N, C-alpha and C. Protein backbone atom coordinates (compact mmCIF):
# COMPACT_ATOMS: atom_id res chain seq x y z
N MET A 1 78.10 78.42 123.28
CA MET A 1 78.71 79.00 122.11
C MET A 1 80.03 78.29 121.85
N ALA A 2 80.22 77.86 120.62
CA ALA A 2 81.42 77.12 120.24
C ALA A 2 82.63 78.03 120.13
N LEU A 3 83.77 77.47 120.45
CA LEU A 3 85.02 78.19 120.34
C LEU A 3 85.42 78.36 118.87
N THR A 4 85.22 77.30 118.09
CA THR A 4 85.60 77.32 116.68
C THR A 4 84.38 77.57 115.80
N ASP A 5 84.66 77.85 114.54
CA ASP A 5 83.61 78.12 113.56
C ASP A 5 82.92 76.81 113.15
N ASN A 6 81.70 76.96 112.62
CA ASN A 6 81.04 75.83 111.97
C ASN A 6 80.35 76.36 110.72
N THR A 7 79.68 75.51 109.99
CA THR A 7 79.10 75.93 108.71
C THR A 7 77.94 76.91 108.86
N GLU A 8 77.38 77.03 110.05
CA GLU A 8 76.23 77.93 110.27
C GLU A 8 76.60 79.25 110.94
N HIS A 9 77.58 79.22 111.85
CA HIS A 9 77.95 80.42 112.62
C HIS A 9 79.45 80.46 112.84
N TYR A 10 79.93 81.65 113.13
CA TYR A 10 81.32 81.81 113.51
C TYR A 10 81.45 81.58 115.00
N GLY A 11 82.57 80.98 115.40
CA GLY A 11 82.82 80.70 116.80
C GLY A 11 83.25 81.95 117.55
N ILE A 12 83.40 81.79 118.84
CA ILE A 12 83.71 82.93 119.71
C ILE A 12 85.06 83.56 119.36
N VAL A 13 86.05 82.78 118.98
CA VAL A 13 87.37 83.34 118.65
C VAL A 13 87.25 84.25 117.42
N THR A 14 86.59 83.78 116.37
CA THR A 14 86.41 84.59 115.17
C THR A 14 85.62 85.86 115.48
N ARG A 15 84.60 85.74 116.32
CA ARG A 15 83.78 86.90 116.67
C ARG A 15 84.58 87.93 117.46
N VAL A 16 85.38 87.48 118.39
CA VAL A 16 86.21 88.41 119.17
C VAL A 16 87.20 89.12 118.24
N PHE A 17 87.82 88.37 117.33
CA PHE A 17 88.70 89.00 116.36
C PHE A 17 87.93 90.03 115.52
N HIS A 18 86.78 89.63 114.98
CA HIS A 18 86.01 90.51 114.09
C HIS A 18 85.62 91.80 114.79
N TRP A 19 84.96 91.69 115.93
CA TRP A 19 84.45 92.89 116.61
C TRP A 19 85.56 93.68 117.27
N GLY A 20 86.60 93.01 117.77
CA GLY A 20 87.74 93.73 118.34
C GLY A 20 88.48 94.54 117.28
N ILE A 21 88.70 93.93 116.13
CA ILE A 21 89.35 94.64 115.03
C ILE A 21 88.45 95.77 114.53
N ALA A 22 87.15 95.54 114.50
CA ALA A 22 86.21 96.59 114.08
C ALA A 22 86.31 97.81 114.99
N VAL A 23 86.38 97.58 116.29
CA VAL A 23 86.48 98.69 117.25
C VAL A 23 87.82 99.43 117.06
N LEU A 24 88.90 98.67 116.88
CA LEU A 24 90.20 99.31 116.67
C LEU A 24 90.23 100.13 115.38
N ILE A 25 89.61 99.61 114.33
CA ILE A 25 89.56 100.36 113.07
C ILE A 25 88.74 101.64 113.25
N LEU A 26 87.63 101.54 113.95
CA LEU A 26 86.84 102.74 114.23
C LEU A 26 87.69 103.77 114.97
N TRP A 27 88.42 103.33 115.98
CA TRP A 27 89.29 104.23 116.74
C TRP A 27 90.36 104.84 115.83
N GLN A 28 90.92 104.03 114.93
CA GLN A 28 91.94 104.54 114.02
C GLN A 28 91.36 105.64 113.12
N PHE A 29 90.14 105.45 112.65
CA PHE A 29 89.53 106.49 111.82
C PHE A 29 89.19 107.72 112.63
N LEU A 30 88.80 107.54 113.88
CA LEU A 30 88.56 108.70 114.75
C LEU A 30 89.86 109.46 114.99
N SER A 31 90.94 108.74 115.22
CA SER A 31 92.21 109.42 115.48
C SER A 31 92.74 110.10 114.22
N ALA A 32 92.61 109.46 113.06
CA ALA A 32 93.05 110.10 111.81
C ALA A 32 92.19 111.33 111.50
N SER A 33 90.90 111.22 111.74
CA SER A 33 90.00 112.36 111.51
C SER A 33 90.31 113.50 112.47
N ALA A 34 90.58 113.17 113.73
CA ALA A 34 90.94 114.21 114.71
C ALA A 34 92.23 114.91 114.28
N HIS A 35 93.19 114.13 113.78
CA HIS A 35 94.46 114.71 113.34
C HIS A 35 94.25 115.62 112.12
N PHE A 36 93.38 115.22 111.22
CA PHE A 36 93.15 115.97 109.99
C PHE A 36 92.26 117.20 110.22
N PHE A 37 91.15 117.00 110.93
CA PHE A 37 90.16 118.07 111.07
C PHE A 37 90.34 118.95 112.30
N PHE A 38 90.98 118.43 113.34
CA PHE A 38 91.09 119.16 114.61
C PHE A 38 92.53 119.30 115.07
N GLU A 39 93.41 119.60 114.12
CA GLU A 39 94.84 119.73 114.44
C GLU A 39 95.06 120.77 115.53
N ASP A 40 95.96 120.44 116.45
CA ASP A 40 96.34 121.32 117.55
C ASP A 40 95.17 121.65 118.48
N THR A 41 94.30 120.68 118.71
CA THR A 41 93.19 120.84 119.66
C THR A 41 93.26 119.72 120.69
N ALA A 42 92.42 119.82 121.70
CA ALA A 42 92.34 118.77 122.71
C ALA A 42 91.84 117.45 122.13
N VAL A 43 90.99 117.55 121.11
CA VAL A 43 90.47 116.33 120.46
C VAL A 43 91.63 115.57 119.82
N GLU A 44 92.47 116.29 119.07
CA GLU A 44 93.63 115.63 118.46
C GLU A 44 94.58 115.11 119.54
N ALA A 45 94.80 115.90 120.57
CA ALA A 45 95.70 115.49 121.65
C ALA A 45 95.22 114.22 122.35
N PHE A 46 93.92 114.01 122.38
CA PHE A 46 93.35 112.81 122.99
C PHE A 46 93.53 111.59 122.09
N PHE A 47 93.19 111.73 120.81
CA PHE A 47 93.17 110.58 119.90
C PHE A 47 94.53 110.27 119.26
N TRP A 48 95.22 111.29 118.75
CA TRP A 48 96.36 111.06 117.87
C TRP A 48 97.50 110.24 118.48
N PRO A 49 97.85 110.43 119.76
CA PRO A 49 98.96 109.64 120.31
C PRO A 49 98.71 108.13 120.31
N THR A 50 97.47 107.72 120.16
CA THR A 50 97.16 106.28 120.15
C THR A 50 97.24 105.68 118.76
N HIS A 51 97.36 106.50 117.73
CA HIS A 51 97.24 106.01 116.36
C HIS A 51 98.33 104.99 116.00
N LYS A 52 99.57 105.30 116.25
CA LYS A 52 100.65 104.37 115.90
C LYS A 52 100.63 103.09 116.73
N PRO A 53 100.55 103.17 118.06
CA PRO A 53 100.54 101.93 118.83
C PRO A 53 99.35 101.03 118.49
N LEU A 54 98.18 101.62 118.34
CA LEU A 54 97.01 100.80 118.01
C LEU A 54 97.09 100.26 116.59
N GLY A 55 97.77 100.97 115.70
CA GLY A 55 97.98 100.45 114.36
C GLY A 55 98.82 99.17 114.38
N VAL A 56 99.85 99.15 115.22
CA VAL A 56 100.68 97.94 115.34
C VAL A 56 99.89 96.81 115.98
N ILE A 57 99.10 97.13 116.99
CA ILE A 57 98.25 96.10 117.62
C ILE A 57 97.24 95.57 116.60
N LEU A 58 96.67 96.44 115.81
CA LEU A 58 95.73 96.04 114.77
C LEU A 58 96.41 95.10 113.77
N LEU A 59 97.61 95.42 113.37
CA LEU A 59 98.36 94.55 112.45
C LEU A 59 98.59 93.18 113.08
N ALA A 60 99.01 93.16 114.33
CA ALA A 60 99.25 91.88 115.00
C ALA A 60 97.96 91.05 115.12
N LEU A 61 96.87 91.71 115.49
CA LEU A 61 95.60 90.99 115.59
C LEU A 61 95.14 90.46 114.23
N MET A 62 95.40 91.23 113.19
CA MET A 62 95.00 90.78 111.86
C MET A 62 95.82 89.58 111.42
N VAL A 63 97.09 89.56 111.74
CA VAL A 63 97.92 88.39 111.42
C VAL A 63 97.39 87.17 112.18
N LEU A 64 97.06 87.35 113.46
CA LEU A 64 96.49 86.25 114.24
C LEU A 64 95.14 85.82 113.67
N ARG A 65 94.34 86.78 113.25
CA ARG A 65 93.04 86.46 112.66
C ARG A 65 93.21 85.66 111.37
N LEU A 66 94.17 86.02 110.56
CA LEU A 66 94.42 85.27 109.33
C LEU A 66 94.88 83.85 109.64
N LEU A 67 95.75 83.70 110.64
CA LEU A 67 96.15 82.35 111.05
C LEU A 67 94.93 81.55 111.52
N TRP A 68 94.07 82.17 112.30
CA TRP A 68 92.85 81.52 112.77
C TRP A 68 91.94 81.15 111.59
N TYR A 69 91.88 82.03 110.60
CA TYR A 69 91.08 81.75 109.40
C TYR A 69 91.58 80.47 108.72
N PHE A 70 92.90 80.36 108.55
CA PHE A 70 93.44 79.19 107.86
C PHE A 70 93.24 77.92 108.67
N ILE A 71 93.25 78.02 109.98
CA ILE A 71 92.97 76.86 110.82
C ILE A 71 91.52 76.40 110.66
N ASN A 72 90.60 77.36 110.53
CA ASN A 72 89.16 77.07 110.48
C ASN A 72 88.53 77.14 109.09
N ARG A 73 89.31 77.28 108.05
CA ARG A 73 88.74 77.59 106.73
C ARG A 73 87.74 76.54 106.23
N THR A 74 87.87 75.31 106.62
CA THR A 74 86.91 74.30 106.15
C THR A 74 85.65 74.24 107.03
N ASN A 75 85.67 74.90 108.17
CA ASN A 75 84.54 74.86 109.10
C ASN A 75 83.74 76.15 109.13
N ARG A 76 83.99 77.05 108.22
CA ARG A 76 83.36 78.38 108.26
C ARG A 76 82.09 78.40 107.43
N PRO A 77 81.19 79.34 107.72
CA PRO A 77 80.05 79.55 106.82
C PRO A 77 80.56 79.97 105.44
N GLN A 78 79.89 79.53 104.42
CA GLN A 78 80.27 79.88 103.05
C GLN A 78 79.97 81.35 102.77
N SER A 79 80.77 81.95 101.91
CA SER A 79 80.49 83.31 101.46
C SER A 79 79.20 83.29 100.65
N VAL A 80 78.46 84.38 100.70
CA VAL A 80 77.19 84.44 99.97
C VAL A 80 77.41 84.61 98.47
N SER A 81 78.60 85.10 98.07
CA SER A 81 78.88 85.25 96.65
C SER A 81 80.39 85.42 96.46
N LEU A 82 80.80 85.33 95.21
CA LEU A 82 82.21 85.58 94.90
C LEU A 82 82.59 87.02 95.22
N LEU A 83 81.68 87.95 94.94
CA LEU A 83 81.94 89.35 95.24
C LEU A 83 82.15 89.58 96.74
N ALA A 84 81.34 88.92 97.57
CA ALA A 84 81.50 89.03 99.02
C ALA A 84 82.85 88.47 99.46
N LYS A 85 83.23 87.36 98.88
CA LYS A 85 84.52 86.75 99.22
C LYS A 85 85.67 87.68 98.82
N LEU A 86 85.61 88.25 97.62
CA LEU A 86 86.64 89.17 97.17
C LEU A 86 86.68 90.43 98.02
N GLY A 87 85.51 90.91 98.43
CA GLY A 87 85.44 92.07 99.31
C GLY A 87 86.12 91.82 100.65
N HIS A 88 85.86 90.66 101.24
CA HIS A 88 86.49 90.31 102.51
C HIS A 88 88.01 90.19 102.36
N ILE A 89 88.44 89.53 101.29
CA ILE A 89 89.88 89.38 101.05
C ILE A 89 90.53 90.76 100.92
N THR A 90 89.89 91.66 100.19
CA THR A 90 90.44 93.01 100.01
C THR A 90 90.51 93.75 101.34
N ILE A 91 89.48 93.65 102.14
CA ILE A 91 89.49 94.29 103.47
C ILE A 91 90.63 93.72 104.31
N TYR A 92 90.77 92.40 104.34
CA TYR A 92 91.83 91.77 105.12
C TYR A 92 93.20 92.26 104.65
N LEU A 93 93.41 92.27 103.33
CA LEU A 93 94.70 92.72 102.80
C LEU A 93 95.00 94.17 103.18
N LEU A 94 94.00 95.03 103.07
CA LEU A 94 94.21 96.43 103.42
C LEU A 94 94.54 96.60 104.90
N ILE A 95 93.91 95.80 105.76
CA ILE A 95 94.18 95.92 107.19
C ILE A 95 95.61 95.49 107.51
N VAL A 96 96.22 94.70 106.65
CA VAL A 96 97.63 94.34 106.82
C VAL A 96 98.54 95.37 106.13
N ILE A 97 98.21 95.73 104.90
CA ILE A 97 99.08 96.60 104.10
C ILE A 97 99.18 98.01 104.69
N ILE A 98 98.08 98.56 105.17
CA ILE A 98 98.08 99.95 105.65
C ILE A 98 99.08 100.17 106.80
N PRO A 99 99.07 99.35 107.85
CA PRO A 99 100.08 99.58 108.89
C PRO A 99 101.50 99.21 108.45
N VAL A 100 101.63 98.26 107.52
CA VAL A 100 102.97 97.91 107.04
C VAL A 100 103.61 99.10 106.32
N VAL A 101 102.86 99.77 105.44
CA VAL A 101 103.46 100.93 104.75
C VAL A 101 103.73 102.07 105.74
N ALA A 102 102.92 102.18 106.79
CA ALA A 102 103.19 103.19 107.82
C ALA A 102 104.48 102.85 108.58
N LEU A 103 104.70 101.59 108.88
CA LEU A 103 105.93 101.18 109.56
C LEU A 103 107.14 101.39 108.66
N LEU A 104 106.98 101.13 107.36
CA LEU A 104 108.08 101.40 106.43
C LEU A 104 108.42 102.88 106.41
N ARG A 105 107.38 103.72 106.38
CA ARG A 105 107.61 105.17 106.40
C ARG A 105 108.32 105.58 107.69
N GLN A 106 107.88 105.03 108.81
CA GLN A 106 108.50 105.36 110.09
C GLN A 106 109.97 104.96 110.09
N TYR A 107 110.26 103.76 109.62
CA TYR A 107 111.65 103.31 109.58
C TYR A 107 112.47 104.18 108.64
N GLY A 108 111.94 104.44 107.44
CA GLY A 108 112.65 105.24 106.45
C GLY A 108 112.95 106.65 106.91
N SER A 109 112.17 107.15 107.86
CA SER A 109 112.40 108.51 108.37
C SER A 109 113.63 108.59 109.26
N GLY A 110 114.10 107.44 109.73
CA GLY A 110 115.26 107.42 110.62
C GLY A 110 114.90 107.65 112.08
N ARG A 111 113.61 107.82 112.35
CA ARG A 111 113.19 108.06 113.73
C ARG A 111 112.97 106.73 114.47
N THR A 112 113.23 106.74 115.75
CA THR A 112 112.98 105.58 116.59
C THR A 112 111.48 105.31 116.65
N PHE A 113 111.12 104.05 116.75
CA PHE A 113 109.71 103.70 116.94
C PHE A 113 109.60 102.85 118.19
N GLU A 114 108.85 103.37 119.15
CA GLU A 114 108.62 102.66 120.40
C GLU A 114 107.16 102.33 120.54
N LEU A 115 106.90 101.17 121.10
CA LEU A 115 105.54 100.71 121.35
C LEU A 115 105.43 100.42 122.85
N PHE A 116 104.70 101.26 123.57
CA PHE A 116 104.52 101.11 125.01
C PHE A 116 105.86 101.05 125.74
N GLY A 117 106.78 101.92 125.32
CA GLY A 117 108.08 102.02 125.96
C GLY A 117 109.10 101.00 125.49
N ILE A 118 108.72 100.12 124.58
CA ILE A 118 109.64 99.12 124.05
C ILE A 118 110.06 99.56 122.64
N THR A 119 111.36 99.59 122.41
CA THR A 119 111.84 99.99 121.09
C THR A 119 111.57 98.88 120.09
N VAL A 120 110.76 99.21 119.08
CA VAL A 120 110.48 98.26 118.00
C VAL A 120 111.64 98.30 117.01
N PHE A 121 112.06 99.51 116.64
CA PHE A 121 113.29 99.68 115.89
C PHE A 121 113.90 101.02 116.25
N PRO A 122 115.23 101.04 116.35
CA PRO A 122 115.90 102.28 116.72
C PRO A 122 115.98 103.22 115.52
N GLY A 123 116.19 104.46 115.81
CA GLY A 123 116.41 105.42 114.74
C GLY A 123 117.81 105.27 114.19
N PHE A 124 118.09 106.01 113.14
CA PHE A 124 119.43 105.99 112.58
C PHE A 124 119.78 107.39 112.12
N GLU A 125 121.07 107.62 112.02
CA GLU A 125 121.55 108.91 111.52
C GLU A 125 121.91 108.75 110.06
N GLY A 126 121.95 109.84 109.39
CA GLY A 126 122.30 109.79 107.97
C GLY A 126 121.08 110.03 107.12
N GLU A 127 121.21 109.66 105.86
CA GLU A 127 120.14 109.91 104.90
C GLU A 127 118.90 109.08 105.19
N LYS A 128 117.78 109.71 105.01
CA LYS A 128 116.51 109.01 105.12
C LYS A 128 116.37 108.08 103.91
N ILE A 129 115.55 107.07 104.05
CA ILE A 129 115.33 106.12 102.96
C ILE A 129 114.09 106.59 102.21
N GLN A 130 114.35 107.29 101.11
CA GLN A 130 113.28 108.02 100.42
C GLN A 130 112.16 107.13 99.89
N TRP A 131 112.48 105.96 99.36
CA TRP A 131 111.41 105.12 98.80
C TRP A 131 110.44 104.67 99.89
N MET A 132 110.95 104.46 101.11
CA MET A 132 110.09 104.07 102.22
C MET A 132 109.20 105.24 102.63
N LEU A 133 109.78 106.42 102.70
CA LEU A 133 109.00 107.62 103.02
C LEU A 133 107.91 107.85 101.97
N ASP A 134 108.29 107.72 100.70
CA ASP A 134 107.33 107.95 99.61
C ASP A 134 106.21 106.92 99.63
N LEU A 135 106.57 105.67 99.83
CA LEU A 135 105.55 104.60 99.87
C LEU A 135 104.53 104.87 100.96
N GLY A 136 105.00 105.17 102.16
CA GLY A 136 104.09 105.46 103.27
C GLY A 136 103.28 106.72 103.04
N SER A 137 103.95 107.76 102.57
CA SER A 137 103.25 109.03 102.36
C SER A 137 102.22 108.93 101.24
N ASP A 138 102.55 108.18 100.21
CA ASP A 138 101.65 108.08 99.06
C ASP A 138 100.48 107.13 99.29
N PHE A 139 100.64 106.15 100.17
CA PHE A 139 99.61 105.12 100.24
C PHE A 139 98.93 104.91 101.59
N HIS A 140 99.58 105.26 102.69
CA HIS A 140 98.99 104.96 104.00
C HIS A 140 97.60 105.58 104.17
N GLY A 141 97.51 106.87 104.04
CA GLY A 141 96.23 107.55 104.22
C GLY A 141 95.22 107.21 103.14
N GLU A 142 95.68 107.18 101.91
CA GLU A 142 94.78 106.92 100.79
C GLU A 142 94.17 105.52 100.88
N LEU A 143 95.00 104.54 101.19
CA LEU A 143 94.46 103.18 101.36
C LEU A 143 93.53 103.10 102.57
N GLY A 144 93.80 103.91 103.58
CA GLY A 144 92.91 103.97 104.74
C GLY A 144 91.51 104.42 104.34
N TRP A 145 91.44 105.42 103.47
CA TRP A 145 90.12 105.89 103.04
C TRP A 145 89.44 104.87 102.12
N VAL A 146 90.22 104.13 101.34
CA VAL A 146 89.65 103.04 100.54
C VAL A 146 89.08 101.97 101.48
N LEU A 147 89.82 101.67 102.53
CA LEU A 147 89.34 100.71 103.53
C LEU A 147 88.03 101.18 104.14
N LEU A 148 87.95 102.46 104.48
CA LEU A 148 86.71 102.99 105.05
C LEU A 148 85.54 102.79 104.09
N LEU A 149 85.74 103.07 102.81
CA LEU A 149 84.67 102.86 101.83
C LEU A 149 84.25 101.40 101.74
N LEU A 150 85.23 100.50 101.77
CA LEU A 150 84.91 99.07 101.73
C LEU A 150 84.15 98.63 102.98
N ILE A 151 84.53 99.18 104.12
CA ILE A 151 83.83 98.83 105.36
C ILE A 151 82.40 99.35 105.32
N ILE A 152 82.20 100.55 104.82
CA ILE A 152 80.84 101.07 104.67
C ILE A 152 80.04 100.17 103.73
N GLY A 153 80.68 99.74 102.63
CA GLY A 153 80.02 98.80 101.72
C GLY A 153 79.72 97.47 102.39
N HIS A 154 80.62 97.00 103.22
CA HIS A 154 80.44 95.75 103.98
C HIS A 154 79.21 95.85 104.89
N ILE A 155 79.11 96.95 105.61
CA ILE A 155 77.97 97.16 106.50
C ILE A 155 76.68 97.29 105.69
N PHE A 156 76.72 98.04 104.61
CA PHE A 156 75.55 98.22 103.76
C PHE A 156 75.08 96.89 103.17
N MET A 157 76.01 96.07 102.72
CA MET A 157 75.62 94.78 102.12
C MET A 157 75.05 93.83 103.17
N THR A 158 75.48 93.95 104.41
CA THR A 158 74.86 93.15 105.47
C THR A 158 73.38 93.51 105.57
N TYR A 159 73.08 94.80 105.51
CA TYR A 159 71.69 95.27 105.53
C TYR A 159 70.93 94.78 104.29
N VAL A 160 71.55 94.89 103.12
CA VAL A 160 70.91 94.45 101.87
C VAL A 160 70.55 92.97 101.94
N HIS A 161 71.48 92.16 102.44
CA HIS A 161 71.20 90.72 102.55
C HIS A 161 70.04 90.43 103.51
N GLN A 162 69.96 91.21 104.57
CA GLN A 162 68.86 91.05 105.53
C GLN A 162 67.50 91.35 104.89
N LYS A 163 67.49 92.36 104.02
CA LYS A 163 66.23 92.84 103.44
C LYS A 163 65.93 92.23 102.07
N SER A 164 66.84 91.46 101.50
CA SER A 164 66.62 90.90 100.17
C SER A 164 65.52 89.84 100.20
N SER A 165 65.07 89.45 99.04
CA SER A 165 64.01 88.45 98.95
C SER A 165 64.45 87.10 99.50
N THR A 166 65.75 86.82 99.49
CA THR A 166 66.24 85.55 100.03
C THR A 166 66.44 85.61 101.54
N LYS A 167 66.42 86.81 102.11
CA LYS A 167 66.54 87.03 103.57
C LYS A 167 67.74 86.27 104.17
N GLN A 168 68.91 86.49 103.60
CA GLN A 168 70.12 85.85 104.12
C GLN A 168 70.56 86.61 105.36
N ASN A 169 70.42 85.99 106.50
CA ASN A 169 70.74 86.64 107.76
C ASN A 169 72.23 86.48 108.05
N VAL A 170 73.06 87.22 107.32
CA VAL A 170 74.50 87.08 107.47
C VAL A 170 74.99 87.69 108.79
N LEU A 171 74.28 88.67 109.31
CA LEU A 171 74.71 89.29 110.57
C LEU A 171 74.64 88.30 111.73
N SER A 172 73.64 87.47 111.75
CA SER A 172 73.51 86.52 112.86
C SER A 172 74.67 85.52 112.89
N ARG A 173 75.30 85.27 111.77
CA ARG A 173 76.45 84.36 111.74
C ARG A 173 77.63 84.92 112.55
N MET A 174 77.71 86.26 112.63
CA MET A 174 78.81 86.90 113.35
C MET A 174 78.34 87.50 114.67
N TRP A 175 77.05 87.54 114.91
CA TRP A 175 76.51 88.22 116.08
C TRP A 175 76.03 87.23 117.14
N LYS A 176 75.28 86.23 116.75
CA LYS A 176 74.67 85.31 117.74
C LYS A 176 75.57 84.16 118.11
């Protein structure tokens, strides 16, 4: 198995990024769902504390994945359509934007943010930064649900391509 991408298949680095990010996104949706549907239960207590740290890790992995994409962009399998390409770009952007607006909200609140015991940014006293709070509150969760719909569409279209008359086996490009 090749380390880098080629015109027929994605390499091991791209696959590890893809499936690793997929698992983290699934966990993020489980933790958000636990927080929303099972507030003050053991389920929420298990999932919710991981939401912020894994969100930052997800953001970092996505930045690395985008760098890897630009390194390999001429060696990758072609998108099956313009719509598929736009869908992937939108998913990538949302995976970056969603944690960024959450970090802005966290900073604007004046509360300290620590990641595994390391201070990412200290808290501050005084007035909260309202535009940061509003941006995070208005868009973090909502964009998360848009991302979920796009991911469901992504999975569904993989199935559609498998079953279409052209039998484009797009899953094998990321799986085998």
